[in-house]
Protein backbone atom coordinates (compact mmCIF):
# COMPACT_ATOMS: atom_id res chain seq x y z
CA MET A 1 -87.46 72.98 -63.53
CA GLU A 2 -84.37 71.64 -61.76
CA LYS A 3 -84.28 67.85 -61.46
CA PHE A 4 -83.16 66.08 -58.30
CA GLU A 5 -81.66 62.61 -58.20
CA SER A 6 -82.93 60.18 -55.63
CA LEU A 7 -80.72 58.21 -53.27
CA SER A 8 -80.46 54.51 -53.96
CA LEU A 9 -80.05 51.80 -51.34
CA GLU A 10 -76.82 50.79 -53.04
CA GLU A 11 -75.37 54.31 -52.65
CA ILE A 12 -76.43 54.50 -49.01
CA GLY A 13 -74.94 51.06 -48.29
CA LYS A 14 -71.50 52.16 -49.48
CA LEU A 15 -71.31 55.14 -47.11
CA GLN A 16 -68.71 54.89 -44.35
CA SER A 17 -68.63 58.42 -42.90
CA LYS A 18 -70.58 61.67 -42.58
CA LYS A 19 -68.10 63.23 -45.00
CA GLU A 20 -69.06 60.71 -47.68
CA LEU A 21 -72.76 61.29 -46.94
CA LYS A 22 -72.32 65.04 -47.34
CA SER A 23 -70.52 64.61 -50.67
CA LEU A 24 -73.26 62.29 -51.93
CA LEU A 25 -76.07 64.66 -50.90
CA GLU A 26 -74.30 67.66 -52.43
CA SER A 27 -74.03 65.79 -55.72
CA LYS A 28 -77.82 65.29 -55.78
CA GLY A 29 -78.79 68.97 -55.81
CA GLY A 30 -80.71 71.23 -53.44
CA LYS A 31 -83.39 68.68 -52.55
CA TYR A 32 -81.34 67.53 -49.56
CA GLU A 33 -80.40 70.95 -48.24
CA VAL A 34 -82.24 70.43 -44.93
CA ILE A 35 -80.32 67.21 -44.26
CA LEU A 36 -77.04 68.87 -45.20
CA ASN A 37 -77.74 71.77 -42.87
CA THR A 38 -78.44 69.34 -40.02
CA ILE A 39 -75.19 67.46 -40.62
CA GLU A 40 -73.20 70.71 -40.73
CA TYR A 41 -74.92 71.95 -37.57
CA GLU A 42 -74.10 68.77 -35.67
CA GLU A 43 -70.47 68.86 -36.83
CA GLU A 44 -70.08 72.50 -35.82
CA LEU A 45 -71.80 71.91 -32.48
CA LYS A 46 -69.43 69.06 -31.67
CA LYS A 47 -66.38 71.26 -32.37
CA LEU A 48 -67.73 74.03 -30.16
CA GLN A 49 -68.57 71.58 -27.39
CA VAL A 50 -64.94 70.42 -27.44
CA GLU A 51 -64.00 74.05 -26.77
CA LEU A 52 -66.56 74.25 -23.95
CA VAL A 53 -64.89 71.28 -22.25
CA LYS A 54 -61.52 73.06 -22.46
CA PHE A 55 -63.16 76.24 -21.17
CA GLN A 56 -64.69 74.41 -18.20
CA GLN A 57 -61.32 72.91 -17.30
CA TRP A 58 -59.78 76.40 -17.38
CA VAL A 59 -62.58 77.78 -15.16
CA ALA A 60 -62.02 74.99 -12.61
CA LYS A 61 -58.23 75.31 -12.70
CA ASN A 62 -58.32 79.07 -12.13
CA ASN A 63 -61.23 79.17 -9.65
CA LYS A 64 -63.28 81.44 -11.90
CA ARG A 65 -66.97 81.96 -11.20
CA VAL A 66 -69.17 82.19 -14.31
CA ALA A 67 -72.94 82.70 -14.45
CA VAL A 68 -74.67 82.50 -17.84
CA ILE A 69 -78.23 83.86 -17.78
CA PHE A 70 -80.81 82.94 -20.41
CA GLU A 71 -83.86 85.19 -20.60
CA GLY A 72 -86.48 85.69 -23.31
CA ARG A 73 -90.08 85.13 -24.19
CA ASP A 74 -91.63 81.70 -23.87
CA ALA A 75 -90.51 79.23 -26.56
CA ALA A 76 -87.48 81.35 -27.48
CA GLY A 77 -85.18 78.35 -27.01
CA LYS A 78 -83.63 78.90 -23.58
CA GLY A 79 -83.77 75.27 -22.47
CA GLY A 80 -82.52 73.93 -25.79
CA ALA A 81 -79.54 76.28 -25.82
CA ILE A 82 -78.60 75.38 -22.24
CA ARG A 83 -78.77 71.65 -23.03
CA ARG A 84 -76.25 72.10 -25.85
CA PHE A 85 -73.95 74.03 -23.54
CA MET A 86 -74.08 71.38 -20.80
CA GLU A 87 -74.29 68.20 -22.86
CA HIS A 88 -70.61 67.21 -22.42
CA LEU A 89 -69.62 69.30 -19.41
CA SER A 90 -68.69 67.72 -16.10
CA PRO A 91 -71.57 67.97 -13.60
CA ARG A 92 -69.01 68.43 -10.84
CA THR A 93 -68.25 72.00 -11.92
CA SER A 94 -71.36 72.99 -13.87
CA ARG A 95 -75.07 73.04 -13.05
CA LEU A 96 -78.45 74.29 -14.17
CA VAL A 97 -80.62 76.62 -12.08
CA ALA A 98 -84.32 76.74 -13.01
CA LEU A 99 -86.19 77.83 -9.90
CA ASN A 100 -89.87 77.23 -9.22
CA LYS A 101 -92.12 80.00 -7.93
CA PRO A 102 -90.95 81.31 -4.52
CA THR A 103 -92.14 79.71 -1.29
CA ASP A 104 -93.95 81.69 1.42
CA ILE A 105 -90.64 82.04 3.29
CA GLU A 106 -88.83 83.25 0.17
CA ARG A 107 -91.54 85.82 -0.50
CA GLY A 108 -90.72 87.37 2.88
CA GLN A 109 -87.00 87.60 2.09
CA TRP A 110 -85.04 90.12 0.06
CA TYR A 111 -85.93 89.31 -3.56
CA PHE A 112 -82.36 88.48 -4.61
CA MET A 113 -81.74 86.09 -1.70
CA ARG A 114 -82.82 82.86 -3.34
CA TYR A 115 -80.71 83.64 -6.41
CA ILE A 116 -77.65 84.51 -4.31
CA ARG A 117 -77.76 80.95 -2.94
CA GLU A 118 -77.45 79.61 -6.49
CA LEU A 119 -74.51 81.75 -7.66
CA PRO A 120 -71.42 79.82 -8.82
CA ASN A 121 -68.74 78.73 -6.41
CA PRO A 122 -65.05 79.10 -7.31
CA GLY A 123 -64.27 76.93 -10.33
CA GLU A 124 -67.93 76.55 -11.35
CA ILE A 125 -70.17 77.52 -14.27
CA VAL A 126 -73.88 77.99 -13.55
CA PHE A 127 -76.55 78.28 -16.24
CA PHE A 128 -79.75 80.12 -15.28
CA ASP A 129 -82.91 79.16 -17.17
CA ARG A 130 -84.56 82.45 -16.20
CA SER A 131 -83.13 84.42 -13.31
CA TRP A 132 -83.79 87.40 -11.05
CA TYR A 133 -84.96 89.13 -14.23
CA ASN A 134 -88.30 87.39 -13.82
CA ARG A 135 -89.23 90.49 -11.84
CA ALA A 136 -88.26 92.76 -14.74
CA VAL A 137 -90.61 91.25 -17.35
CA VAL A 138 -92.67 88.15 -16.54
CA GLU A 139 -93.87 89.20 -13.07
CA PRO A 140 -95.15 92.69 -13.96
CA VAL A 141 -96.70 91.43 -17.21
CA MET A 142 -98.57 88.63 -15.43
CA GLY A 143 -99.37 90.61 -12.30
CA PHE A 144 -97.15 88.49 -10.05
CA CYS A 145 -95.62 91.57 -8.38
CA ASP A 146 -96.91 95.04 -7.54
CA ASP A 147 -95.53 98.41 -8.68
CA LYS A 148 -93.54 98.92 -5.48
CA GLN A 149 -91.80 95.55 -5.79
CA TYR A 150 -91.07 96.16 -9.48
CA ASN A 151 -89.64 99.65 -8.94
CA GLU A 152 -87.48 98.49 -6.03
CA PHE A 153 -86.07 95.71 -8.16
CA MET A 154 -85.29 97.96 -11.10
CA SER A 155 -83.46 100.44 -8.88
CA GLN A 156 -81.49 97.74 -7.04
CA VAL A 157 -80.43 95.36 -9.80
CA PRO A 158 -77.63 97.52 -11.34
CA ASP A 159 -76.02 97.92 -7.90
CA PHE A 160 -76.54 94.22 -7.15
CA GLU A 161 -74.77 93.21 -10.37
CA HIS A 162 -72.02 95.78 -9.82
CA MET A 163 -71.24 94.25 -6.41
CA LEU A 164 -71.05 90.81 -8.04
CA TYR A 165 -68.78 92.22 -10.75
CA GLU A 166 -66.46 93.82 -8.17
CA ASP A 167 -66.31 90.51 -6.32
CA GLY A 168 -65.02 88.77 -9.47
CA LEU A 169 -68.19 87.01 -10.59
CA ILE A 170 -68.51 86.94 -14.38
CA ILE A 171 -72.11 87.33 -15.61
CA ILE A 172 -73.22 86.85 -19.21
CA LYS A 173 -76.83 87.91 -19.85
CA PHE A 174 -78.52 86.53 -22.97
CA TRP A 175 -81.92 87.70 -24.18
CA LEU A 176 -83.20 85.20 -26.75
CA SER A 177 -85.29 87.16 -29.22
CA ILE A 178 -88.11 85.45 -31.14
CA SER A 179 -90.73 86.87 -33.50
CA LYS A 180 -94.43 86.66 -32.67
CA ASP A 181 -95.18 84.39 -35.64
CA GLU A 182 -92.38 82.00 -34.75
CA GLN A 183 -93.49 81.86 -31.12
CA GLU A 184 -97.03 80.93 -32.18
CA LYS A 185 -95.64 78.26 -34.49
CA ARG A 186 -93.62 76.72 -31.65
CA PHE A 187 -96.58 76.85 -29.27
CA ASN A 188 -98.70 74.94 -31.79
CA SER A 189 -95.91 72.41 -32.28
CA ARG A 190 -95.71 71.82 -28.53
CA MET A 191 -99.44 71.19 -28.27
CA LYS A 192 -99.25 68.55 -31.00
CA ASN A 193 -96.24 66.73 -29.50
CA PRO A 194 -97.07 64.64 -26.39
CA LEU A 195 -93.38 64.73 -25.38
CA LYS A 196 -93.35 68.52 -25.36
CA ARG A 197 -96.90 69.32 -24.22
CA TRP A 198 -95.67 69.73 -20.62
CA LYS A 199 -93.77 72.84 -21.76
CA PHE A 200 -97.02 74.64 -22.59
CA SER A 201 -98.58 76.41 -19.60
CA SER A 202 -101.31 78.91 -18.85
CA VAL A 203 -98.63 81.61 -18.79
CA ASP A 204 -97.64 80.60 -22.31
CA GLN A 205 -101.24 80.90 -23.44
CA LYS A 206 -101.24 84.56 -22.39
CA GLY A 207 -97.92 85.26 -24.08
CA GLN A 208 -99.35 86.02 -27.50
CA LYS A 209 -102.20 88.14 -26.12
CA LEU A 210 -99.82 90.18 -23.97
CA TRP A 211 -97.11 90.52 -26.62
CA SER A 212 -97.03 94.34 -26.55
CA LYS A 213 -96.94 94.42 -22.76
CA TYR A 214 -93.96 92.06 -22.78
CA THR A 215 -92.27 94.36 -25.29
CA HIS A 216 -92.81 97.39 -23.05
CA PHE A 217 -91.26 95.79 -19.97
CA LYS A 218 -88.47 94.22 -22.00
CA GLU A 219 -87.47 97.67 -23.29
CA GLN A 220 -87.63 99.09 -19.77
CA MET A 221 -85.34 96.29 -18.62
CA TYR A 222 -82.82 97.01 -21.37
CA SER A 223 -82.73 100.74 -20.73
CA LYS A 224 -82.24 100.45 -16.96
CA THR A 225 -80.11 97.31 -16.57
CA HIS A 226 -77.80 97.31 -19.60
CA THR A 227 -74.45 98.40 -18.17
CA SER A 228 -70.80 98.34 -19.21
CA TYR A 229 -70.03 95.72 -16.53
CA SER A 230 -73.16 93.62 -17.18
CA PRO A 231 -74.46 94.19 -20.73
CA TRP A 232 -77.45 92.55 -22.37
CA VAL A 233 -76.59 90.32 -25.33
CA ILE A 234 -79.44 89.96 -27.84
CA VAL A 235 -79.69 86.70 -29.81
CA LYS A 236 -82.03 86.25 -32.77
CA THR A 237 -83.50 82.78 -32.28
CA ASN A 238 -86.00 82.21 -35.08
CA ASN A 239 -83.38 79.73 -36.29
CA LYS A 240 -82.76 77.70 -33.12
CA GLU A 241 -79.71 75.82 -34.39
CA VAL A 242 -77.87 78.96 -35.48
CA ALA A 243 -78.75 80.71 -32.20
CA ARG A 244 -77.32 77.84 -30.13
CA LEU A 245 -74.03 77.91 -32.02
CA GLU A 246 -73.71 81.68 -31.74
CA CYS A 247 -74.42 81.68 -28.00
CA ILE A 248 -71.63 79.17 -27.47
CA ARG A 249 -69.29 81.18 -29.68
CA TYR A 250 -70.06 84.36 -27.76
CA VAL A 251 -69.23 82.79 -24.38
CA LEU A 252 -66.02 81.25 -25.69
CA SER A 253 -64.99 84.53 -27.31
CA LYS A 254 -65.02 86.30 -23.92
CA PHE A 255 -62.26 84.17 -22.36
CA GLU A 256 -58.63 83.30 -23.09
CA TYR A 257 -58.77 79.71 -21.89
CA ASP A 258 -56.02 77.12 -22.29
CA GLY A 259 -55.98 75.51 -25.74
CA LYS A 260 -58.13 78.17 -27.40
CA ASP A 261 -55.49 78.82 -30.07
CA PHE A 262 -55.86 75.21 -31.25
CA SER A 263 -59.59 75.42 -31.91
CA LYS A 264 -60.74 73.70 -35.09
CA THR A 265 -63.61 76.11 -35.66
CA ASN A 266 -64.48 79.80 -35.71
CA LEU A 267 -64.95 81.31 -32.25
CA PHE A 268 -66.14 84.74 -33.35
CA PRO A 269 -69.93 85.19 -33.02
CA ASP A 270 -71.93 86.41 -36.01
CA PRO A 271 -72.87 90.09 -35.40
CA ASN A 272 -75.98 89.62 -37.54
CA VAL A 273 -77.31 87.05 -35.07
CA ILE A 274 -75.88 88.08 -31.71
CA MET A 275 -75.08 91.60 -30.50
CA HIS A 276 -75.06 93.91 -27.50
CA TYR A 277 -78.33 95.70 -26.85
CA PHE A 278 -77.09 99.14 -27.86
CA ARG A 279 -76.00 97.80 -31.25
CA SER A 280 -79.36 96.19 -31.98
CA SER A 281 -81.07 98.75 -34.21
CA TYR A 282 -83.79 96.28 -35.30
CA GLN A 283 -85.33 93.70 -32.99
CA ILE A 284 -87.57 90.88 -34.17
CA ASP A 285 -89.49 90.82 -30.86
């Protein structure tokens, strides 16, 4: 059996940087692999966030309009990924959209209207924590819309997104893919943590029971709304940290922003973690 050396207080007291901590942990064997992975994740995240700041400045300077949509089953990591995107961005030219259920007035309007109001202005990046695609999966699964409303949406959304594309709006659509076992594990973790219990709702409770129904409507969504001008990008999120990094890499890889050539990290997303829908031969959800 492999032996692991423990850390002494004397060794810890001599440390002056993360680099020294990493070297010390590596010298102790695999026992500290989890800590090493966390350090490496945080270092890589910081480098990518530096690139996001440069990207945001380029968007503002060139009056680009960028919408990044995060969809997926409950507990797939949408909110966590968005937080890492926005952590060091200026709130003047970036914002989060996470709409509540529609009001009585909004229910009487064209379905897309309340989302149109939230689209990015020139020079702005908007992150959608769920979007108009609620009507493609969550609403029909939970019975929040009828067949007529669902079918109208599915026939209209490709044309809606094509008009946005022709108008110069850049849309990136992420589907965060999580396995059923991992979702259950995260649900249980939320229930045990008083700081995260608010995230668990009655809709979440039904998620596991209606897993197959979610899968059916998700596949329908892919087949009818994955287009050349607005493709679906599938992200495997059982490892949340890796998924966050790859989402950031994917966004950065799509633009030639100022200073990109001087990046201190890899900006090419891992095709084993993140891929276009039509290239995803095996899906964990």
